[in-house]
Amino acid sequence: MSANEGGKVLLHLYRRLLRSCASYPSKNRWGIYKAVQEEFRESMNADPNAAETKKKVEIAFKGLEQLRMYDEVSLGGGNKQNPNWEVTLEQNPMPKPLDV
């Protein structure tokens, strides 16, 4: 994958994370939103081939997966008014934080 393609993938991931944060059912949704923005801004010029950067991208994809578990549209089968939600939680949902 070229650097340009990798950048497009990361930009798409960033946008999906922000959209998912905005609809996350939590009092802290905007705190999470700001944290995602900060993390991406701090890592904007990071080496895409570095192990630490790859780990951060992996964690971002995992976080997106977890945020989407609570998406009203997908939980309600396309209907926000559907009260029948089902969420499956993992035993070890996130890897341990990086030693920075």
PDB file of N, CA and C in Angstrom:
ATOM      1  N   MET A   1       0.848  -1.169   0.000  1.00  0.00           N
ATOM      2  CA  MET A   1       0.000   0.000   0.000  1.00  0.00           C
ATOM      3  C   MET A   1       0.896   1.235   0.000  1.00  0.00           C
ATOM      4  N   SER A   2       0.621   2.180  -0.883  1.00  0.00           N
ATOM      5  CA  SER A   2       1.422   3.389  -0.969  1.00  0.00           C
ATOM      6  C   SER A   2       1.083   4.317   0.204  1.00  0.00           C
ATOM      7  N   ALA A   3       1.933   5.309   0.388  1.00  0.00           N
ATOM      8  CA  ALA A   3       1.714   6.257   1.477  1.00  0.00           C
ATOM      9  C   ALA A   3       0.411   7.031   1.269  1.00  0.00           C
ATOM     10  N   ASN A   4       0.108   7.341   0.005  1.00  0.00           N
ATOM     11  CA  ASN A   4      -1.127   8.071  -0.298  1.00  0.00           C
ATOM     12  C   ASN A   4      -2.355   7.237   0.042  1.00  0.00           C
ATOM     13  N   GLU A   5      -2.331   5.940  -0.306  1.00  0.00           N
ATOM     14  CA  GLU A   5      -3.451   5.049   0.021  1.00  0.00           C
ATOM     15  C   GLU A   5      -3.583   4.879   1.525  1.00  0.00           C
ATOM     16  N   GLY A   6      -2.449   4.742   2.211  1.00  0.00           N
ATOM     17  CA  GLY A   6      -2.464   4.610   3.664  1.00  0.00           C
ATOM     18  C   GLY A   6      -3.043   5.839   4.325  1.00  0.00           C
ATOM     19  N   GLY A   7      -2.724   7.019   3.789  1.00  0.00           N
ATOM     20  CA  GLY A   7      -3.267   8.266   4.311  1.00  0.00           C
ATOM     21  C   GLY A   7      -4.774   8.341   4.139  1.00  0.00           C
ATOM     22  N   LYS A   8      -5.261   7.851   2.991  1.00  0.00           N
ATOM     23  CA  LYS A   8      -6.709   7.851   2.742  1.00  0.00           C
ATOM     24  C   LYS A   8      -7.413   6.909   3.711  1.00  0.00           C
ATOM     25  N   VAL A   9      -6.810   5.767   3.975  1.00  0.00           N
ATOM     26  CA  VAL A   9      -7.398   4.802   4.908  1.00  0.00           C
ATOM     27  C   VAL A   9      -7.468   5.415   6.303  1.00  0.00           C
ATOM     28  N   LEU A  10      -6.399   6.086   6.721  1.00  0.00           N
ATOM     29  CA  LEU A  10      -6.383   6.703   8.050  1.00  0.00           C
ATOM     30  C   LEU A  10      -7.377   7.856   8.145  1.00  0.00           C
ATOM     31  N   LEU A  11      -7.497   8.638   7.083  1.00  0.00           N
ATOM     32  CA  LEU A  11      -8.466   9.725   7.083  1.00  0.00           C
ATOM     33  C   LEU A  11      -9.884   9.164   7.181  1.00  0.00           C
ATOM     34  N   HIS A  12     -10.153   8.095   6.463  1.00  0.00           N
ATOM     35  CA  HIS A  12     -11.462   7.452   6.522  1.00  0.00           C
ATOM     36  C   HIS A  12     -11.721   6.896   7.929  1.00  0.00           C
ATOM     37  N   LEU A  13     -10.712   6.270   8.526  1.00  0.00           N
ATOM     38  CA  LEU A  13     -10.826   5.753   9.897  1.00  0.00           C
ATOM     39  C   LEU A  13     -11.114   6.897  10.865  1.00  0.00           C
ATOM     40  N   TYR A  14     -10.393   7.995  10.713  1.00  0.00           N
ATOM     41  CA  TYR A  14     -10.577   9.168  11.573  1.00  0.00           C
ATOM     42  C   TYR A  14     -12.014   9.686  11.484  1.00  0.00           C
ATOM     43  N   ARG A  15     -12.521   9.824  10.280  1.00  0.00           N
ATOM     44  CA  ARG A  15     -13.890  10.320  10.099  1.00  0.00           C
ATOM     45  C   ARG A  15     -14.920   9.365  10.690  1.00  0.00           C
ATOM     46  N   ARG A  16     -14.726   8.059  10.485  1.00  0.00           N
ATOM     47  CA  ARG A  16     -15.669   7.082  11.043  1.00  0.00           C
ATOM     48  C   ARG A  16     -15.636   7.102  12.564  1.00  0.00           C
ATOM     49  N   LEU A  17     -14.442   7.254  13.154  1.00  0.00           N
ATOM     50  CA  LEU A  17     -14.336   7.341  14.611  1.00  0.00           C
ATOM     51  C   LEU A  17     -15.087   8.563  15.133  1.00  0.00           C
ATOM     52  N   LEU A  18     -14.908   9.709  14.482  1.00  0.00           N
ATOM     53  CA  LEU A  18     -15.584  10.919  14.941  1.00  0.00           C
ATOM     54  C   LEU A  18     -17.096  10.789  14.821  1.00  0.00           C
ATOM     55  N   ARG A  19     -17.578  10.215  13.727  1.00  0.00           N
ATOM     56  CA  ARG A  19     -19.027  10.023  13.565  1.00  0.00           C
ATOM     57  C   ARG A  19     -19.573   9.085  14.637  1.00  0.00           C
ATOM     58  N   SER A  20     -18.827   8.019  14.908  1.00  0.00           N
ATOM     59  CA  SER A  20     -19.269   7.060  15.920  1.00  0.00           C
ATOM     60  C   SER A  20     -19.239   7.675  17.318  1.00  0.00           C
ATOM     61  N   CYS A  21     -18.239   8.494  17.591  1.00  0.00           N
ATOM     62  CA  CYS A  21     -18.167   9.176  18.893  1.00  0.00           C
ATOM     63  C   CYS A  21     -19.354  10.118  19.069  1.00  0.00           C
ATOM     64  N   ALA A  22     -19.723  10.810  18.001  1.00  0.00           N
ATOM     65  CA  ALA A  22     -20.809  11.781  18.084  1.00  0.00           C
ATOM     66  C   ALA A  22     -22.148  11.125  18.407  1.00  0.00           C
ATOM     67  N   SER A  23     -22.317   9.860  18.045  1.00  0.00           N
ATOM     68  CA  SER A  23     -23.589   9.191  18.317  1.00  0.00           C
ATOM     69  C   SER A  23     -23.493   8.179  19.462  1.00  0.00           C
ATOM     70  N   TYR A  24     -22.337   8.103  20.106  1.00  0.00           N
ATOM     71  CA  TYR A  24     -22.138   7.171  21.215  1.00  0.00           C
ATOM     72  C   TYR A  24     -23.011   7.571  22.399  1.00  0.00           C
ATOM     73  N   PRO A  25     -23.790   6.645  22.956  1.00  0.00           N
ATOM     74  CA  PRO A  25     -24.722   7.000  24.042  1.00  0.00           C
ATOM     75  C   PRO A  25     -24.021   7.105  25.401  1.00  0.00           C
ATOM     76  N   SER A  26     -23.355   8.232  25.624  1.00  0.00           N
ATOM     77  CA  SER A  26     -22.623   8.431  26.872  1.00  0.00           C
ATOM     78  C   SER A  26     -22.568   9.919  27.194  1.00  0.00           C
ATOM     79  N   LYS A  27     -22.487  10.228  28.495  1.00  0.00           N
ATOM     80  CA  LYS A  27     -22.309  11.623  28.900  1.00  0.00           C
ATOM     81  C   LYS A  27     -20.946  12.137  28.439  1.00  0.00           C
ATOM     82  N   ASN A  28     -20.007  11.234  28.267  1.00  0.00           N
ATOM     83  CA  ASN A  28     -18.631  11.603  27.936  1.00  0.00           C
ATOM     84  C   ASN A  28     -18.348  11.530  26.432  1.00  0.00           C
ATOM     85  N   ARG A  29     -19.384  11.481  25.606  1.00  0.00           N
ATOM     86  CA  ARG A  29     -19.152  11.314  24.164  1.00  0.00           C
ATOM     87  C   ARG A  29     -18.271  12.401  23.594  1.00  0.00           C
ATOM     88  N   TRP A  30     -18.428  13.647  24.048  1.00  0.00           N
ATOM     89  CA  TRP A  30     -17.623  14.729  23.482  1.00  0.00           C
ATOM     90  C   TRP A  30     -16.201  14.702  24.028  1.00  0.00           C
ATOM     91  N   GLY A  31     -16.018  14.152  25.209  1.00  0.00           N
ATOM     92  CA  GLY A  31     -14.663  13.949  25.725  1.00  0.00           C
ATOM     93  C   GLY A  31     -13.924  12.912  24.898  1.00  0.00           C
ATOM     94  N   ILE A  32     -14.628  11.858  24.523  1.00  0.00           N
ATOM     95  CA  ILE A  32     -14.049  10.824  23.665  1.00  0.00           C
ATOM     96  C   ILE A  32     -13.745  11.411  22.294  1.00  0.00           C
ATOM     97  N   TYR A  33     -14.657  12.214  21.781  1.00  0.00           N
ATOM     98  CA  TYR A  33     -14.500  12.875  20.481  1.00  0.00           C
ATOM     99  C   TYR A  33     -13.220  13.714  20.476  1.00  0.00           C
ATOM    100  N   LYS A  34     -13.054  14.530  21.518  1.00  0.00           N
ATOM    101  CA  LYS A  34     -11.860  15.388  21.630  1.00  0.00           C
ATOM    102  C   LYS A  34     -10.585  14.555  21.764  1.00  0.00           C
ATOM    103  N   ALA A  35     -10.656  13.448  22.506  1.00  0.00           N
ATOM    104  CA  ALA A  35      -9.483  12.584  22.677  1.00  0.00           C
ATOM    105  C   ALA A  35      -9.061  11.974  21.343  1.00  0.00           C
ATOM    106  N   VAL A  36     -10.028  11.585  20.524  1.00  0.00           N
ATOM    107  CA  VAL A  36      -9.720  11.038  19.192  1.00  0.00           C
ATOM    108  C   VAL A  36      -9.052  12.117  18.346  1.00  0.00           C
ATOM    109  N   GLN A  37      -9.603  13.327  18.376  1.00  0.00           N
ATOM    110  CA  GLN A  37      -9.006  14.423  17.612  1.00  0.00           C
ATOM    111  C   GLN A  37      -7.561  14.677  18.046  1.00  0.00           C
ATOM    112  N   GLU A  38      -7.339  14.747  19.347  1.00  0.00           N
ATOM    113  CA  GLU A  38      -6.000  15.010  19.870  1.00  0.00           C
ATOM    114  C   GLU A  38      -5.014  13.919  19.462  1.00  0.00           C
ATOM    115  N   GLU A  39      -5.426  12.673  19.610  1.00  0.00           N
ATOM    116  CA  GLU A  39      -4.531  11.555  19.295  1.00  0.00           C
ATOM    117  C   GLU A  39      -4.136  11.571  17.822  1.00  0.00           C
ATOM    118  N   PHE A  40      -5.106  11.819  16.954  1.00  0.00           N
ATOM    119  CA  PHE A  40      -4.783  11.859  15.527  1.00  0.00           C
ATOM    120  C   PHE A  40      -3.904  13.061  15.197  1.00  0.00           C
ATOM    121  N   ARG A  41      -4.148  14.197  15.824  1.00  0.00           N
ATOM    122  CA  ARG A  41      -3.306  15.375  15.562  1.00  0.00           C
ATOM    123  C   ARG A  41      -1.882  15.165  16.042  1.00  0.00           C
ATOM    124  N   GLU A  42      -1.720  14.528  17.201  1.00  0.00           N
ATOM    125  CA  GLU A  42      -0.383  14.260  17.734  1.00  0.00           C
ATOM    126  C   GLU A  42       0.370  13.254  16.872  1.00  0.00           C
ATOM    127  N   SER A  43      -0.354  12.342  16.253  1.00  0.00           N
ATOM    128  CA  SER A  43       0.282  11.280  15.470  1.00  0.00           C
ATOM    129  C   SER A  43       0.295  11.570  13.973  1.00  0.00           C
ATOM    130  N   MET A  44      -0.089  12.764  13.586  1.00  0.00           N
ATOM    131  CA  MET A  44      -0.219  13.103  12.174  1.00  0.00           C
ATOM    132  C   MET A  44       1.084  12.895  11.395  1.00  0.00           C
ATOM    133  N   ASN A  45       2.204  13.234  11.983  1.00  0.00           N
ATOM    134  CA  ASN A  45       3.486  13.142  11.284  1.00  0.00           C
ATOM    135  C   ASN A  45       4.301  11.920  11.694  1.00  0.00           C
ATOM    136  N   ALA A  46       3.649  10.956  12.325  1.00  0.00           N
ATOM    137  CA  ALA A  46       4.348   9.743  12.763  1.00  0.00           C
ATOM    138  C   ALA A  46       4.729   8.883  11.562  1.00  0.00           C
ATOM    139  N   ASP A  47       5.779   8.112  11.709  1.00  0.00           N
ATOM    140  CA  ASP A  47       6.232   7.201  10.656  1.00  0.00           C
ATOM    141  C   ASP A  47       5.221   6.071  10.518  1.00  0.00           C
ATOM    142  N   PRO A  48       4.594   5.930   9.336  1.00  0.00           N
ATOM    143  CA  PRO A  48       3.560   4.900   9.166  1.00  0.00           C
ATOM    144  C   PRO A  48       4.099   3.474   9.239  1.00  0.00           C
ATOM    145  N   ASN A  49       5.402   3.309   9.107  1.00  0.00           N
ATOM    146  CA  ASN A  49       5.983   1.969   9.162  1.00  0.00           C
ATOM    147  C   ASN A  49       6.496   1.594  10.546  1.00  0.00           C
ATOM    148  N   ALA A  50       6.437   2.527  11.481  1.00  0.00           N
ATOM    149  CA  ALA A  50       6.906   2.255  12.841  1.00  0.00           C
ATOM    150  C   ALA A  50       5.933   1.320  13.561  1.00  0.00           C
ATOM    151  N   ALA A  51       6.475   0.463  14.393  1.00  0.00           N
ATOM    152  CA  ALA A  51       5.660  -0.503  15.134  1.00  0.00           C
ATOM    153  C   ALA A  51       4.656   0.213  16.039  1.00  0.00           C
ATOM    154  N   GLU A  52       5.070   1.309  16.654  1.00  0.00           N
ATOM    155  CA  GLU A  52       4.189   2.050  17.553  1.00  0.00           C
ATOM    156  C   GLU A  52       2.993   2.627  16.782  1.00  0.00           C
ATOM    157  N   THR A  53       3.244   3.143  15.589  1.00  0.00           N
ATOM    158  CA  THR A  53       2.163   3.702  14.767  1.00  0.00           C
ATOM    159  C   THR A  53       1.190   2.612  14.343  1.00  0.00           C
ATOM    160  N   LYS A  54       1.729   1.475  13.948  1.00  0.00           N
ATOM    161  CA  LYS A  54       0.870   0.352  13.537  1.00  0.00           C
ATOM    162  C   LYS A  54      -0.003  -0.107  14.699  1.00  0.00           C
ATOM    163  N   LYS A  55       0.561  -0.115  15.901  1.00  0.00           N
ATOM    164  CA  LYS A  55      -0.193  -0.510  17.087  1.00  0.00           C
ATOM    165  C   LYS A  55      -1.321   0.498  17.361  1.00  0.00           C
ATOM    166  N   LYS A  56      -1.026   1.791  17.198  1.00  0.00           N
ATOM    167  CA  LYS A  56      -2.045   2.816  17.411  1.00  0.00           C
ATOM    168  C   LYS A  56      -3.188   2.670  16.411  1.00  0.00           C
ATOM    169  N   VAL A  57      -2.854   2.354  15.165  1.00  0.00           N
ATOM    170  CA  VAL A  57      -3.886   2.165  14.137  1.00  0.00           C
ATOM    171  C   VAL A  57      -4.734   0.947  14.480  1.00  0.00           C
ATOM    172  N   GLU A  58      -4.091  -0.114  14.937  1.00  0.00           N
ATOM    173  CA  GLU A  58      -4.815  -1.326  15.344  1.00  0.00           C
ATOM    174  C   GLU A  58      -5.786  -1.012  16.490  1.00  0.00           C
ATOM    175  N   ILE A  59      -5.329  -0.237  17.461  1.00  0.00           N
ATOM    176  CA  ILE A  59      -6.175   0.149  18.587  1.00  0.00           C
ATOM    177  C   ILE A  59      -7.325   1.042  18.120  1.00  0.00           C
ATOM    178  N   ALA A  60      -7.059   1.921  17.160  1.00  0.00           N
ATOM    179  CA  ALA A  60      -8.114   2.793  16.627  1.00  0.00           C
ATOM    180  C   ALA A  60      -9.202   1.969  15.941  1.00  0.00           C
ATOM    181  N   PHE A  61      -8.811   0.960  15.161  1.00  0.00           N
ATOM    182  CA  PHE A  61      -9.806   0.099  14.518  1.00  0.00           C
ATOM    183  C   PHE A  61     -10.620  -0.668  15.560  1.00  0.00           C
ATOM    184  N   LYS A  62      -9.945  -1.125  16.606  1.00  0.00           N
ATOM    185  CA  LYS A  62     -10.631  -1.838  17.681  1.00  0.00           C
ATOM    186  C   LYS A  62     -11.610  -0.907  18.395  1.00  0.00           C
ATOM    187  N   GLY A  63     -11.188   0.327  18.637  1.00  0.00           N
ATOM    188  CA  GLY A  63     -12.067   1.305  19.269  1.00  0.00           C
ATOM    189  C   GLY A  63     -13.281   1.615  18.414  1.00  0.00           C
ATOM    190  N   LEU A  64     -13.068   1.709  17.096  1.00  0.00           N
ATOM    191  CA  LEU A  64     -14.194   1.949  16.194  1.00  0.00           C
ATOM    192  C   LEU A  64     -15.184   0.794  16.257  1.00  0.00           C
ATOM    193  N   GLU A  65     -14.666  -0.407  16.280  1.00  0.00           N
ATOM    194  CA  GLU A  65     -15.533  -1.594  16.378  1.00  0.00           C
ATOM    195  C   GLU A  65     -16.371  -1.535  17.656  1.00  0.00           C
ATOM    196  N   GLN A  66     -15.750  -1.125  18.755  1.00  0.00           N
ATOM    197  CA  GLN A  66     -16.463  -1.060  20.026  1.00  0.00           C
ATOM    198  C   GLN A  66     -17.477   0.083  20.052  1.00  0.00           C
ATOM    199  N   LEU A  67     -17.144   1.218  19.473  1.00  0.00           N
ATOM    200  CA  LEU A  67     -18.101   2.328  19.405  1.00  0.00           C
ATOM    201  C   LEU A  67     -19.312   1.942  18.562  1.00  0.00           C
ATOM    202  N   ARG A  68     -19.070   1.220  17.497  1.00  0.00           N
ATOM    203  CA  ARG A  68     -20.168   0.840  16.608  1.00  0.00           C
ATOM    204  C   ARG A  68     -21.090  -0.200  17.222  1.00  0.00           C
ATOM    205  N   MET A  69     -20.651  -0.876  18.269  1.00  0.00           N
ATOM    206  CA  MET A  69     -21.527  -1.828  18.949  1.00  0.00           C
ATOM    207  C   MET A  69     -22.732  -1.114  19.553  1.00  0.00           C
ATOM    208  N   TYR A  70     -22.587   0.182  19.823  1.00  0.00           N
ATOM    209  CA  TYR A  70     -23.642   0.950  20.462  1.00  0.00           C
ATOM    210  C   TYR A  70     -24.361   1.888  19.493  1.00  0.00           C
ATOM    211  N   ASP A  71     -24.151   1.713  18.211  1.00  0.00           N
ATOM    212  CA  ASP A  71     -24.802   2.541  17.202  1.00  0.00           C
ATOM    213  C   ASP A  71     -26.288   2.212  17.167  1.00  0.00           C
ATOM    214  N   GLU A  72     -27.135   3.207  17.370  1.00  0.00           N
ATOM    215  CA  GLU A  72     -28.579   2.986  17.454  1.00  0.00           C
ATOM    216  C   GLU A  72     -29.149   2.350  16.201  1.00  0.00           C
ATOM    217  N   VAL A  73     -28.677   2.759  15.053  1.00  0.00           N
ATOM    218  CA  VAL A  73     -29.220   2.236  13.797  1.00  0.00           C
ATOM    219  C   VAL A  73     -28.878   0.755  13.637  1.00  0.00           C
ATOM    220  N   SER A  74     -27.617   0.390  13.892  1.00  0.00           N
ATOM    221  CA  SER A  74     -27.253  -1.022  13.730  1.00  0.00           C
ATOM    222  C   SER A  74     -27.854  -1.881  14.845  1.00  0.00           C
ATOM    223  N   LEU A  75     -27.978  -1.329  16.059  1.00  0.00           N
ATOM    224  CA  LEU A  75     -28.570  -2.091  17.158  1.00  0.00           C
ATOM    225  C   LEU A  75     -30.047  -2.363  16.930  1.00  0.00           C
ATOM    226  N   GLY A  76     -30.730  -1.393  16.377  1.00  0.00           N
ATOM    227  CA  GLY A  76     -32.163  -1.528  16.164  1.00  0.00           C
ATOM    228  C   GLY A  76     -32.514  -2.140  14.825  1.00  0.00           C
ATOM    229  N   GLY A  77     -31.552  -2.720  14.134  1.00  0.00           N
ATOM    230  CA  GLY A  77     -31.824  -3.328  12.839  1.00  0.00           C
ATOM    231  C   GLY A  77     -32.244  -2.304  11.798  1.00  0.00           C
ATOM    232  N   GLY A  78     -31.681  -1.090  11.881  1.00  0.00           N
ATOM    233  CA  GLY A  78     -32.020  -0.039  10.938  1.00  0.00           C
ATOM    234  C   GLY A  78     -33.128   0.874  11.424  1.00  0.00           C
ATOM    235  N   ASN A  79     -33.718   0.548  12.563  1.00  0.00           N
ATOM    236  CA  ASN A  79     -34.814   1.340  13.114  1.00  0.00           C
ATOM    237  C   ASN A  79     -34.397   1.871  14.485  1.00  0.00           C
ATOM    238  N   LYS A  80     -34.226   3.179  14.605  1.00  0.00           N
ATOM    239  CA  LYS A  80     -33.803   3.771  15.883  1.00  0.00           C
ATOM    240  C   LYS A  80     -34.812   3.550  17.001  1.00  0.00           C
ATOM    241  N   GLN A  81     -36.057   3.348  16.653  1.00  0.00           N
ATOM    242  CA  GLN A  81     -37.112   3.183  17.650  1.00  0.00           C
ATOM    243  C   GLN A  81     -37.222   1.758  18.175  1.00  0.00           C
ATOM    244  N   ASN A  82     -36.512   0.812  17.569  1.00  0.00           N
ATOM    245  CA  ASN A  82     -36.569  -0.594  17.976  1.00  0.00           C
ATOM    246  C   ASN A  82     -35.897  -0.757  19.349  1.00  0.00           C
ATOM    247  N   PRO A  83     -36.623  -1.227  20.357  1.00  0.00           N
ATOM    248  CA  PRO A  83     -36.045  -1.352  21.699  1.00  0.00           C
ATOM    249  C   PRO A  83     -35.236  -2.635  21.906  1.00  0.00           C
ATOM    250  N   ASN A  84     -35.178  -3.502  20.931  1.00  0.00           N
ATOM    251  CA  ASN A  84     -34.503  -4.788  21.088  1.00  0.00           C
ATOM    252  C   ASN A  84     -33.041  -4.692  20.685  1.00  0.00           C
ATOM    253  N   TRP A  85     -32.214  -4.306  21.638  1.00  0.00           N
ATOM    254  CA  TRP A  85     -30.781  -4.170  21.395  1.00  0.00           C
ATOM    255  C   TRP A  85     -30.073  -5.417  21.884  1.00  0.00           C
ATOM    256  N   GLU A  86     -28.991  -5.754  21.214  1.00  0.00           N
ATOM    257  CA  GLU A  86     -28.153  -6.861  21.657  1.00  0.00           C
ATOM    258  C   GLU A  86     -26.700  -6.461  21.477  1.00  0.00           C
ATOM    259  N   VAL A  87     -25.945  -6.490  22.575  1.00  0.00           N
ATOM    260  CA  VAL A  87     -24.533  -6.122  22.555  1.00  0.00           C
ATOM    261  C   VAL A  87     -23.739  -7.291  23.096  1.00  0.00           C
ATOM    262  N   THR A  88     -22.705  -7.682  22.374  1.00  0.00           N
ATOM    263  CA  THR A  88     -21.835  -8.766  22.812  1.00  0.00           C
ATOM    264  C   THR A  88     -20.482  -8.169  23.185  1.00  0.00           C
ATOM    265  N   LEU A  89     -20.100  -8.331  24.441  1.00  0.00           N
ATOM    266  CA  LEU A  89     -18.835  -7.778  24.917  1.00  0.00           C
ATOM    267  C   LEU A  89     -17.751  -8.838  24.918  1.00  0.00           C
ATOM    268  N   GLU A  90     -16.527  -8.394  24.655  1.00  0.00           N
ATOM    269  CA  GLU A  90     -15.385  -9.298  24.653  1.00  0.00           C
ATOM    270  C   GLU A  90     -14.799  -9.400  26.058  1.00  0.00           C
ATOM    271  N   GLN A  91     -14.090 -10.484  26.307  1.00  0.00           N
ATOM    272  CA  GLN A  91     -13.436 -10.654  27.603  1.00  0.00           C
ATOM    273  C   GLN A  91     -12.306  -9.646  27.778  1.00  0.00           C
ATOM    274  N   ASN A  92     -11.470  -9.463  26.766  1.00  0.00           N
ATOM    275  CA  ASN A  92     -10.345  -8.546  26.823  1.00  0.00           C
ATOM    276  C   ASN A  92     -10.481  -7.567  25.660  1.00  0.00           C
ATOM    277  N   PRO A  93     -11.327  -6.533  25.819  1.00  0.00           N
ATOM    278  CA  PRO A  93     -11.680  -5.701  24.680  1.00  0.00           C
ATOM    279  C   PRO A  93     -10.548  -4.825  24.122  1.00  0.00           C
ATOM    280  N   MET A  94      -9.667  -4.340  24.962  1.00  0.00           N
ATOM    281  CA  MET A  94      -8.610  -3.460  24.473  1.00  0.00           C
ATOM    282  C   MET A  94      -7.261  -3.971  24.930  1.00  0.00           C
ATOM    283  N   PRO A  95      -6.248  -3.836  24.080  1.00  0.00           N
ATOM    284  CA  PRO A  95      -4.899  -4.220  24.512  1.00  0.00           C
ATOM    285  C   PRO A  95      -4.379  -3.265  25.565  1.00  0.00           C
ATOM    286  N   LYS A  96      -3.384  -3.699  26.288  1.00  0.00           N
ATOM    287  CA  LYS A  96      -2.781  -2.842  27.316  1.00  0.00           C
ATOM    288  C   LYS A  96      -2.177  -1.606  26.651  1.00  0.00           C
ATOM    289  N   PRO A  97      -2.191  -0.454  27.341  1.00  0.00           N
ATOM    290  CA  PRO A  97      -1.641   0.777  26.751  1.00  0.00           C
ATOM    291  C   PRO A  97      -0.158   0.640  26.466  1.00  0.00           C
ATOM    292  N   LEU A  98       0.287   1.400  25.471  1.00  0.00           N
ATOM    293  CA  LEU A  98       1.707   1.415  25.122  1.00  0.00           C
ATOM    294  C   LEU A  98       2.498   2.104  26.224  1.00  0.00           C
ATOM    295  N   ASP A  99       3.692   1.642  26.468  1.00  0.00           N
ATOM    296  CA  ASP A  99       4.588   2.320  27.398  1.00  0.00           C
ATOM    297  C   ASP A  99       5.264   3.441  26.632  1.00  0.00           C
ATOM    298  N   VAL A 100       4.803   4.653  26.867  1.00  0.00           N
ATOM    299  CA  VAL A 100       5.329   5.789  26.112  1.00  0.00           C
ATOM    300  C   VAL A 100       6.293   6.571  26.948  1.00  0.00           C
TER     301      VAL A 100
END
